[in-house]
Amino acid sequence: MAKANPLQFIQQTRSEISKVVWPTRREVVLTTVMVLILATITAIFFTLIDLGIRSGLEFGLGWFDR
């Protein structure tokens, strides 16, 4: 692969960047909100799972203290 000189590299880079379809502000905001909502739901889910496992283990291991 031949090495391009710096001017060709900049021209090729600008050409490729012009092909990028940038999201609209509305798309970015909606996607961000969706990610935050799903991250919150996931955090709540795993917190409940963790509490359930911890309670189960404490209950199960509590039998040995009797």
PDB file of N, CA and C in Angstrom:
ATOM      1  N   MET A   1       0.849  -1.178   0.000  1.00  0.00           N
ATOM      2  CA  MET A   1       0.000   0.000   0.000  1.00  0.00           C
ATOM      3  C   MET A   1       0.888   1.233   0.000  1.00  0.00           C
ATOM      4  N   ALA A   2       0.669   2.087  -0.976  1.00  0.00           N
ATOM      5  CA  ALA A   2       1.499   3.277  -1.121  1.00  0.00           C
ATOM      6  C   ALA A   2       1.144   4.300  -0.051  1.00  0.00           C
ATOM      7  N   LYS A   3       2.150   5.001   0.371  1.00  0.00           N
ATOM      8  CA  LYS A   3       1.965   6.011   1.400  1.00  0.00           C
ATOM      9  C   LYS A   3       1.541   7.319   0.728  1.00  0.00           C
ATOM     10  N   ALA A   4       0.434   7.898   1.201  1.00  0.00           N
ATOM     11  CA  ALA A   4      -0.047   9.162   0.636  1.00  0.00           C
ATOM     12  C   ALA A   4       0.694  10.316   1.302  1.00  0.00           C
ATOM     13  N   ASN A   5       0.911  11.375   0.524  1.00  0.00           N
ATOM     14  CA  ASN A   5       1.545  12.533   1.135  1.00  0.00           C
ATOM     15  C   ASN A   5       0.515  13.234   2.028  1.00  0.00           C
ATOM     16  N   PRO A   6       0.947  14.108   2.921  1.00  0.00           N
ATOM     17  CA  PRO A   6       0.033  14.733   3.885  1.00  0.00           C
ATOM     18  C   PRO A   6      -1.140  15.474   3.227  1.00  0.00           C
ATOM     19  N   LEU A   7      -0.928  16.125   2.097  1.00  0.00           N
ATOM     20  CA  LEU A   7      -2.009  16.854   1.429  1.00  0.00           C
ATOM     21  C   LEU A   7      -3.073  15.878   0.919  1.00  0.00           C
ATOM     22  N   GLN A   8      -2.643  14.772   0.312  1.00  0.00           N
ATOM     23  CA  GLN A   8      -3.592  13.760  -0.154  1.00  0.00           C
ATOM     24  C   GLN A   8      -4.357  13.155   1.022  1.00  0.00           C
ATOM     25  N   PHE A   9      -3.653  12.916   2.109  1.00  0.00           N
ATOM     26  CA  PHE A   9      -4.294  12.351   3.296  1.00  0.00           C
ATOM     27  C   PHE A   9      -5.408  13.264   3.798  1.00  0.00           C
ATOM     28  N   ILE A  10      -5.131  14.557   3.884  1.00  0.00           N
ATOM     29  CA  ILE A  10      -6.141  15.526   4.350  1.00  0.00           C
ATOM     30  C   ILE A  10      -7.319  15.566   3.384  1.00  0.00           C
ATOM     31  N   GLN A  11      -7.055  15.555   2.088  1.00  0.00           N
ATOM     32  CA  GLN A  11      -8.135  15.569   1.097  1.00  0.00           C
ATOM     33  C   GLN A  11      -8.989  14.307   1.203  1.00  0.00           C
ATOM     34  N   GLN A  12      -8.356  13.163   1.344  1.00  0.00           N
ATOM     35  CA  GLN A  12      -9.095  11.910   1.473  1.00  0.00           C
ATOM     36  C   GLN A  12      -9.915  11.879   2.766  1.00  0.00           C
ATOM     37  N   THR A  13      -9.333  12.402   3.823  1.00  0.00           N
ATOM     38  CA  THR A  13     -10.043  12.440   5.105  1.00  0.00           C
ATOM     39  C   THR A  13     -11.275  13.329   5.007  1.00  0.00           C
ATOM     40  N   ARG A  14     -11.130  14.500   4.401  1.00  0.00           N
ATOM     41  CA  ARG A  14     -12.284  15.406   4.228  1.00  0.00           C
ATOM     42  C   ARG A  14     -13.346  14.760   3.350  1.00  0.00           C
ATOM     43  N   SER A  15     -12.914  14.051   2.335  1.00  0.00           N
ATOM     44  CA  SER A  15     -13.850  13.378   1.444  1.00  0.00           C
ATOM     45  C   SER A  15     -14.658  12.321   2.213  1.00  0.00           C
ATOM     46  N   GLU A  16     -13.994  11.546   3.062  1.00  0.00           N
ATOM     47  CA  GLU A  16     -14.680  10.504   3.838  1.00  0.00           C
ATOM     48  C   GLU A  16     -15.603  11.115   4.888  1.00  0.00           C
ATOM     49  N   ILE A  17     -15.161  12.187   5.537  1.00  0.00           N
ATOM     50  CA  ILE A  17     -15.983  12.835   6.569  1.00  0.00           C
ATOM     51  C   ILE A  17     -17.235  13.435   5.948  1.00  0.00           C
ATOM     52  N   SER A  18     -17.149  13.893   4.702  1.00  0.00           N
ATOM     53  CA  SER A  18     -18.334  14.480   4.050  1.00  0.00           C
ATOM     54  C   SER A  18     -19.402  13.423   3.771  1.00  0.00           C
ATOM     55  N   LYS A  19     -19.016  12.126   3.772  1.00  0.00           N
ATOM     56  CA  LYS A  19     -19.970  11.045   3.533  1.00  0.00           C
ATOM     57  C   LYS A  19     -20.730  10.645   4.798  1.00  0.00           C
ATOM     58  N   VAL A  20     -20.250  11.103   5.960  1.00  0.00           N
ATOM     59  CA  VAL A  20     -20.874  10.739   7.228  1.00  0.00           C
ATOM     60  C   VAL A  20     -22.237  11.410   7.346  1.00  0.00           C
ATOM     61  N   VAL A  21     -23.235  10.625   7.762  1.00  0.00           N
ATOM     62  CA  VAL A  21     -24.573  11.171   8.005  1.00  0.00           C
ATOM     63  C   VAL A  21     -24.684  11.422   9.499  1.00  0.00           C
ATOM     64  N   TRP A  22     -24.629  12.696   9.885  1.00  0.00           N
ATOM     65  CA  TRP A  22     -24.655  13.054  11.297  1.00  0.00           C
ATOM     66  C   TRP A  22     -26.092  13.040  11.808  1.00  0.00           C
ATOM     67  N   PRO A  23     -26.302  12.573  13.041  1.00  0.00           N
ATOM     68  CA  PRO A  23     -27.660  12.549  13.591  1.00  0.00           C
ATOM     69  C   PRO A  23     -28.144  13.962  13.895  1.00  0.00           C
ATOM     70  N   THR A  24     -29.464  14.113  13.889  1.00  0.00           N
ATOM     71  CA  THR A  24     -30.036  15.411  14.239  1.00  0.00           C
ATOM     72  C   THR A  24     -29.983  15.584  15.749  1.00  0.00           C
ATOM     73  N   ARG A  25     -30.185  16.797  16.193  1.00  0.00           N
ATOM     74  CA  ARG A  25     -30.185  17.080  17.635  1.00  0.00           C
ATOM     75  C   ARG A  25     -31.273  16.267  18.327  1.00  0.00           C
ATOM     76  N   ARG A  26     -32.445  16.154  17.690  1.00  0.00           N
ATOM     77  CA  ARG A  26     -33.564  15.407  18.268  1.00  0.00           C
ATOM     78  C   ARG A  26     -33.200  13.932  18.424  1.00  0.00           C
ATOM     79  N   GLU A  27     -32.547  13.353  17.426  1.00  0.00           N
ATOM     80  CA  GLU A  27     -32.127  11.952  17.500  1.00  0.00           C
ATOM     81  C   GLU A  27     -31.131  11.724  18.640  1.00  0.00           C
ATOM     82  N   VAL A  28     -30.213  12.662  18.803  1.00  0.00           N
ATOM     83  CA  VAL A  28     -29.212  12.542  19.866  1.00  0.00           C
ATOM     84  C   VAL A  28     -29.882  12.611  21.232  1.00  0.00           C
ATOM     85  N   VAL A  29     -30.811  13.556  21.393  1.00  0.00           N
ATOM     86  CA  VAL A  29     -31.503  13.708  22.680  1.00  0.00           C
ATOM     87  C   VAL A  29     -32.336  12.467  22.979  1.00  0.00           C
ATOM     88  N   LEU A  30     -33.103  11.982  21.998  1.00  0.00           N
ATOM     89  CA  LEU A  30     -33.933  10.799  22.220  1.00  0.00           C
ATOM     90  C   LEU A  30     -33.091   9.569  22.547  1.00  0.00           C
ATOM     91  N   THR A  31     -32.012   9.388  21.823  1.00  0.00           N
ATOM     92  CA  THR A  31     -31.139   8.245  22.082  1.00  0.00           C
ATOM     93  C   THR A  31     -30.521   8.341  23.474  1.00  0.00           C
ATOM     94  N   THR A  32     -30.105   9.531  23.869  1.00  0.00           N
ATOM     95  CA  THR A  32     -29.520   9.737  25.193  1.00  0.00           C
ATOM     96  C   THR A  32     -30.534   9.421  26.280  1.00  0.00           C
ATOM     97  N   VAL A  33     -31.757   9.898  26.117  1.00  0.00           N
ATOM     98  CA  VAL A  33     -32.807   9.635  27.104  1.00  0.00           C
ATOM     99  C   VAL A  33     -33.094   8.137  27.185  1.00  0.00           C
ATOM    100  N   MET A  34     -33.157   7.469  26.035  1.00  0.00           N
ATOM    101  CA  MET A  34     -33.405   6.021  26.026  1.00  0.00           C
ATOM    102  C   MET A  34     -32.293   5.270  26.751  1.00  0.00           C
ATOM    103  N   VAL A  35     -31.061   5.667  26.531  1.00  0.00           N
ATOM    104  CA  VAL A  35     -29.937   5.008  27.198  1.00  0.00           C
ATOM    105  C   VAL A  35     -30.015   5.219  28.705  1.00  0.00           C
ATOM    106  N   LEU A  36     -30.325   6.432  29.141  1.00  0.00           N
ATOM    107  CA  LEU A  36     -30.437   6.711  30.574  1.00  0.00           C
ATOM    108  C   LEU A  36     -31.564   5.910  31.212  1.00  0.00           C
ATOM    109  N   ILE A  37     -32.710   5.824  30.530  1.00  0.00           N
ATOM    110  CA  ILE A  37     -33.839   5.058  31.057  1.00  0.00           C
ATOM    111  C   ILE A  37     -33.477   3.582  31.164  1.00  0.00           C
ATOM    112  N   LEU A  38     -32.898   3.014  30.114  1.00  0.00           N
ATOM    113  CA  LEU A  38     -32.527   1.600  30.141  1.00  0.00           C
ATOM    114  C   LEU A  38     -31.436   1.317  31.167  1.00  0.00           C
ATOM    115  N   ALA A  39     -30.497   2.235  31.347  1.00  0.00           N
ATOM    116  CA  ALA A  39     -29.456   2.052  32.356  1.00  0.00           C
ATOM    117  C   ALA A  39     -30.069   2.063  33.753  1.00  0.00           C
ATOM    118  N   THR A  40     -31.040   2.930  33.969  1.00  0.00           N
ATOM    119  CA  THR A  40     -31.725   2.994  35.267  1.00  0.00           C
ATOM    120  C   THR A  40     -32.510   1.714  35.534  1.00  0.00           C
ATOM    121  N   ILE A  41     -33.254   1.264  34.523  1.00  0.00           N
ATOM    122  CA  ILE A  41     -34.024   0.023  34.670  1.00  0.00           C
ATOM    123  C   ILE A  41     -33.087  -1.153  34.951  1.00  0.00           C
ATOM    124  N   THR A  42     -31.974  -1.217  34.242  1.00  0.00           N
ATOM    125  CA  THR A  42     -31.010  -2.296  34.444  1.00  0.00           C
ATOM    126  C   THR A  42     -30.415  -2.240  35.853  1.00  0.00           C
ATOM    127  N   ALA A  43     -30.091  -1.043  36.322  1.00  0.00           N
ATOM    128  CA  ALA A  43     -29.530  -0.890  37.671  1.00  0.00           C
ATOM    129  C   ALA A  43     -30.540  -1.334  38.725  1.00  0.00           C
ATOM    130  N   ILE A  44     -31.799  -0.949  38.558  1.00  0.00           N
ATOM    131  CA  ILE A  44     -32.837  -1.372  39.509  1.00  0.00           C
ATOM    132  C   ILE A  44     -32.996  -2.886  39.481  1.00  0.00           C
ATOM    133  N   PHE A  45     -33.027  -3.468  38.288  1.00  0.00           N
ATOM    134  CA  PHE A  45     -33.171  -4.915  38.148  1.00  0.00           C
ATOM    135  C   PHE A  45     -32.053  -5.657  38.885  1.00  0.00           C
ATOM    136  N   PHE A  46     -30.809  -5.273  38.625  1.00  0.00           N
ATOM    137  CA  PHE A  46     -29.701  -5.977  39.252  1.00  0.00           C
ATOM    138  C   PHE A  46     -29.616  -5.702  40.756  1.00  0.00           C
ATOM    139  N   THR A  47     -30.068  -4.539  41.192  1.00  0.00           N
ATOM    140  CA  THR A  47     -30.132  -4.264  42.630  1.00  0.00           C
ATOM    141  C   THR A  47     -31.120  -5.214  43.294  1.00  0.00           C
ATOM    142  N   LEU A  48     -32.290  -5.403  42.669  1.00  0.00           N
ATOM    143  CA  LEU A  48     -33.289  -6.320  43.223  1.00  0.00           C
ATOM    144  C   LEU A  48     -32.780  -7.758  43.219  1.00  0.00           C
ATOM    145  N   ILE A  49     -32.115  -8.164  42.157  1.00  0.00           N
ATOM    146  CA  ILE A  49     -31.536  -9.506  42.097  1.00  0.00           C
ATOM    147  C   ILE A  49     -30.495  -9.683  43.205  1.00  0.00           C
ATOM    148  N   ASP A  50     -29.656  -8.683  43.386  1.00  0.00           N
ATOM    149  CA  ASP A  50     -28.624  -8.732  44.422  1.00  0.00           C
ATOM    150  C   ASP A  50     -29.259  -8.840  45.810  1.00  0.00           C
ATOM    151  N   LEU A  51     -30.276  -8.030  46.064  1.00  0.00           N
ATOM    152  CA  LEU A  51     -30.956  -8.083  47.356  1.00  0.00           C
ATOM    153  C   LEU A  51     -31.597  -9.450  47.577  1.00  0.00           C
ATOM    154  N   GLY A  52     -32.197 -10.010  46.537  1.00  0.00           N
ATOM    155  CA  GLY A  52     -32.806 -11.330  46.643  1.00  0.00           C
ATOM    156  C   GLY A  52     -31.788 -12.406  46.964  1.00  0.00           C
ATOM    157  N   ILE A  53     -30.669 -12.380  46.261  1.00  0.00           N
ATOM    158  CA  ILE A  53     -29.623 -13.378  46.509  1.00  0.00           C
ATOM    159  C   ILE A  53     -29.057 -13.207  47.916  1.00  0.00           C
ATOM    160  N   ARG A  54     -28.821 -11.952  48.319  1.00  0.00           N
ATOM    161  CA  ARG A  54     -28.266 -11.703  49.648  1.00  0.00           C
ATOM    162  C   ARG A  54     -29.230 -12.171  50.736  1.00  0.00           C
ATOM    163  N   SER A  55     -30.512 -11.859  50.574  1.00  0.00           N
ATOM    164  CA  SER A  55     -31.506 -12.284  51.562  1.00  0.00           C
ATOM    165  C   SER A  55     -31.591 -13.806  51.620  1.00  0.00           C
ATOM    166  N   GLY A  56     -31.574 -14.443  50.461  1.00  0.00           N
ATOM    167  CA  GLY A  56     -31.610 -15.902  50.418  1.00  0.00           C
ATOM    168  C   GLY A  56     -30.414 -16.522  51.108  1.00  0.00           C
ATOM    169  N   LEU A  57     -29.245 -15.965  50.870  1.00  0.00           N
ATOM    170  CA  LEU A  57     -28.039 -16.498  51.512  1.00  0.00           C
ATOM    171  C   LEU A  57     -28.069 -16.261  53.017  1.00  0.00           C
ATOM    172  N   GLU A  58     -28.493 -15.061  53.443  1.00  0.00           N
ATOM    173  CA  GLU A  58     -28.571 -14.793  54.880  1.00  0.00           C
ATOM    174  C   GLU A  58     -29.573 -15.727  55.547  1.00  0.00           C
ATOM    175  N   PHE A  59     -30.702 -15.964  54.891  1.00  0.00           N
ATOM    176  CA  PHE A  59     -31.705 -16.874  55.442  1.00  0.00           C
ATOM    177  C   PHE A  59     -31.155 -18.304  55.488  1.00  0.00           C
ATOM    178  N   GLY A  60     -30.541 -18.731  54.402  1.00  0.00           N
ATOM    179  CA  GLY A  60     -30.002 -20.090  54.331  1.00  0.00           C
ATOM    180  C   GLY A  60     -28.861 -20.313  55.295  1.00  0.00           C
ATOM    181  N   LEU A  61     -27.969 -19.356  55.397  1.00  0.00           N
ATOM    182  CA  LEU A  61     -26.842 -19.496  56.316  1.00  0.00           C
ATOM    183  C   LEU A  61     -27.271 -19.283  57.762  1.00  0.00           C
ATOM    184  N   GLY A  62     -28.413 -18.618  57.967  1.00  0.00           N
ATOM    185  CA  GLY A  62     -28.930 -18.414  59.323  1.00  0.00           C
ATOM    186  C   GLY A  62     -29.336 -19.716  59.968  1.00  0.00           C
ATOM    187  N   TRP A  63     -29.636 -20.722  59.172  1.00  0.00           N
ATOM    188  CA  TRP A  63     -30.011 -22.038  59.719  1.00  0.00           C
ATOM    189  C   TRP A  63     -28.851 -22.656  60.492  1.00  0.00           C
ATOM    190  N   PHE A  64     -27.618 -22.317  60.121  1.00  0.00           N
ATOM    191  CA  PHE A  64     -26.468 -22.910  60.783  1.00  0.00           C
ATOM    192  C   PHE A  64     -26.204 -22.299  62.147  1.00  0.00           C
ATOM    193  N   ASP A  65     -26.722 -21.091  62.392  1.00  0.00           N
ATOM    194  CA  ASP A  65     -26.510 -20.416  63.680  1.00  0.00           C
ATOM    195  C   ASP A  65     -27.424 -20.963  64.771  1.00  0.00           C
ATOM    196  N   ARG A  66     -28.420 -21.716  64.421  1.00  0.00           N
ATOM    197  CA  ARG A  66     -29.385 -22.204  65.420  1.00  0.00           C
ATOM    198  C   ARG A  66     -28.845 -23.331  66.221  1.00  0.00           C
TER     199      ARG A  66
END
